[in-house]
Amino acid sequence: MYKSLNIKFYQNIAKLFYAIAAADKIIKPIEFDALKDFIKREWLSVEDTEDDYKTDAAYQIEIVFDWLTTQELDADTCFNDFIEYKNEHKYFFTDALNTLILKTAGAIAASFSGENKSELIMLAKLSMELKKT
């Protein structure tokens, strides 16, 4: 379905989803639950890349997201790291993959009493960035 992705791709996607969840400075367990659900329902079927342990590389999203929550990194820094990665690896970002990224980010933002202003701003920035070629 997609060009063969790699572990770094999934790790950078995790940074993006962390940034969305952390935009309001608080990551709620329900946001992580929404992400885990999306990984199982959508991301595992994206393609077949595996990590060193022969586990679907899409689980890197969950693993790295969880690790980032323990580091309490700045949401804007993580968002900008993702954008930098995206700009250096444009060939990964097909229309279908961009749609899945936006869908997942929106589900994370909406999981806890709807999207708040800081999350909406970040989602709008993401949407604009993903439309750039």
Protein backbone atom coordinates (compact mmCIF):
# COMPACT_ATOMS: atom_id res chain seq x y z
CA MET A 1 0.00 0.00 0.00
CA TYR A 2 2.83 2.44 0.87
CA LYS A 3 6.48 2.73 -0.05
CA SER A 4 8.39 0.57 2.41
CA LEU A 5 8.78 2.64 5.55
CA ASN A 6 11.42 2.29 8.28
CA ILE A 7 11.76 2.43 12.04
CA LYS A 8 12.93 6.08 11.96
CA PHE A 9 9.71 6.96 10.15
CA TYR A 10 7.57 5.46 12.90
CA GLN A 11 9.69 7.09 15.61
CA ASN A 12 9.15 10.48 14.02
CA ILE A 13 5.42 9.83 13.68
CA ALA A 14 5.46 9.14 17.44
CA LYS A 15 7.05 12.56 18.01
CA LEU A 16 4.25 14.15 16.04
CA PHE A 17 1.50 12.36 17.95
CA TYR A 18 3.23 13.19 21.24
CA ALA A 19 3.31 16.85 20.17
CA ILE A 20 -0.43 16.81 19.47
CA ALA A 21 -1.19 15.21 22.85
CA ALA A 22 1.24 17.52 24.69
CA ALA A 23 0.11 20.72 22.96
CA ASP A 24 -1.94 21.65 26.03
CA LYS A 25 0.97 20.70 28.35
CA ILE A 26 -0.88 17.65 29.74
CA ILE A 27 -1.00 14.16 28.27
CA LYS A 28 -4.04 12.29 29.47
CA PRO A 29 -4.17 8.48 29.58
CA ILE A 30 -7.19 8.56 27.26
CA GLU A 31 -5.03 10.23 24.58
CA PHE A 32 -2.50 7.39 24.79
CA ASP A 33 -5.37 4.88 24.71
CA ALA A 34 -6.74 6.52 21.55
CA LEU A 35 -3.31 6.26 19.95
CA LYS A 36 -2.89 2.59 20.89
CA ASP A 37 -6.34 1.83 19.46
CA PHE A 38 -5.47 3.60 16.20
CA ILE A 39 -2.19 1.71 15.93
CA LYS A 40 -4.03 -1.61 16.22
CA ARG A 41 -6.90 -0.65 13.90
CA GLU A 42 -5.04 1.32 11.24
CA TRP A 43 -1.25 1.45 11.47
CA LEU A 44 -0.42 -2.26 11.75
CA SER A 45 -1.81 -2.86 8.26
CA VAL A 46 0.08 0.03 6.62
CA GLU A 47 3.04 -2.11 5.53
CA ASP A 48 5.30 -4.93 6.74
CA THR A 49 8.44 -3.33 8.17
CA GLU A 50 9.62 -5.05 11.35
CA ASP A 51 11.98 -3.95 14.10
CA ASP A 52 15.02 -5.92 15.30
CA TYR A 53 12.73 -8.15 17.40
CA LYS A 54 10.53 -9.09 14.40
CA THR A 55 7.68 -6.97 15.75
CA ASP A 56 5.66 -4.75 13.42
CA ALA A 57 7.52 -1.44 13.28
CA ALA A 58 4.24 0.46 13.72
CA TYR A 59 4.52 -0.41 17.42
CA GLN A 60 7.46 2.03 17.50
CA ILE A 61 4.81 4.76 17.53
CA GLU A 62 3.47 3.48 20.85
CA ILE A 63 6.89 2.73 22.34
CA VAL A 64 8.42 6.09 21.48
CA PHE A 65 5.27 8.02 22.46
CA ASP A 66 5.34 6.33 25.88
CA TRP A 67 9.06 7.10 26.29
CA LEU A 68 8.52 10.74 25.30
CA THR A 69 5.89 11.13 28.03
CA THR A 70 8.53 10.21 30.61
CA GLN A 71 10.88 12.84 29.18
CA GLU A 72 8.29 15.66 29.26
CA LEU A 73 9.66 17.20 26.08
CA ASP A 74 8.33 20.40 24.57
CA ALA A 75 5.46 19.81 22.14
CA ASP A 76 6.64 22.45 19.67
CA THR A 77 10.15 20.96 19.58
CA CYS A 78 8.76 17.50 18.82
CA PHE A 79 6.41 18.92 16.18
CA ASN A 80 9.28 20.78 14.50
CA ASP A 81 11.45 17.63 14.62
CA PHE A 82 8.68 15.78 12.78
CA ILE A 83 8.34 18.53 10.16
CA GLU A 84 12.09 18.50 9.58
CA TYR A 85 11.99 14.71 9.11
CA LYS A 86 9.01 15.00 6.77
CA ASN A 87 10.76 17.60 4.64
CA GLU A 88 13.85 15.41 4.35
CA HIS A 89 11.81 12.27 3.49
CA LYS A 90 8.95 13.60 1.35
CA TYR A 91 8.79 10.35 -0.62
CA PHE A 92 7.18 8.59 2.37
CA PHE A 93 4.32 11.07 2.64
CA THR A 94 1.71 9.94 0.14
CA ASP A 95 -1.81 11.34 0.14
CA ALA A 96 -3.13 8.15 1.76
CA LEU A 97 -0.48 8.23 4.49
CA ASN A 98 -1.05 11.93 5.13
CA THR A 99 -4.77 11.22 5.52
CA LEU A 100 -4.00 8.51 8.08
CA ILE A 101 -1.64 10.83 9.97
CA LEU A 102 -4.28 13.58 10.15
CA LYS A 103 -6.98 11.08 11.14
CA THR A 104 -4.83 9.70 13.96
CA ALA A 105 -3.76 13.15 15.17
CA GLY A 106 -7.39 14.28 15.17
CA ALA A 107 -8.47 11.22 17.17
CA ILE A 108 -5.80 11.89 19.79
CA ALA A 109 -6.80 15.54 20.09
CA ALA A 110 -10.53 14.75 20.29
CA SER A 111 -10.17 11.88 22.78
CA PHE A 112 -10.35 14.04 25.90
CA SER A 113 -13.40 16.32 25.90
CA GLY A 114 -12.82 17.47 22.35
CA GLU A 115 -9.99 19.45 20.84
CA ASN A 116 -8.71 22.47 22.72
CA LYS A 117 -7.27 25.63 21.20
CA SER A 118 -3.60 24.59 21.37
CA GLU A 119 -4.36 21.20 19.80
CA LEU A 120 -6.47 22.81 17.06
CA ILE A 121 -3.65 25.20 16.21
CA MET A 122 -1.18 22.33 15.96
CA LEU A 123 -3.61 20.26 13.86
CA ALA A 124 -4.04 23.19 11.47
CA LYS A 125 -0.25 23.61 11.19
CA LEU A 126 0.08 19.87 10.54
CA SER A 127 -2.58 19.96 7.84
CA MET A 128 -0.81 22.83 6.09
CA GLU A 129 2.59 21.10 6.33
CA LEU A 130 1.28 17.84 4.92
CA LYS A 131 -0.20 19.69 1.91
CA LYS A 132 3.22 21.04 0.97
CA THR A 133 5.08 19.07 -1.68
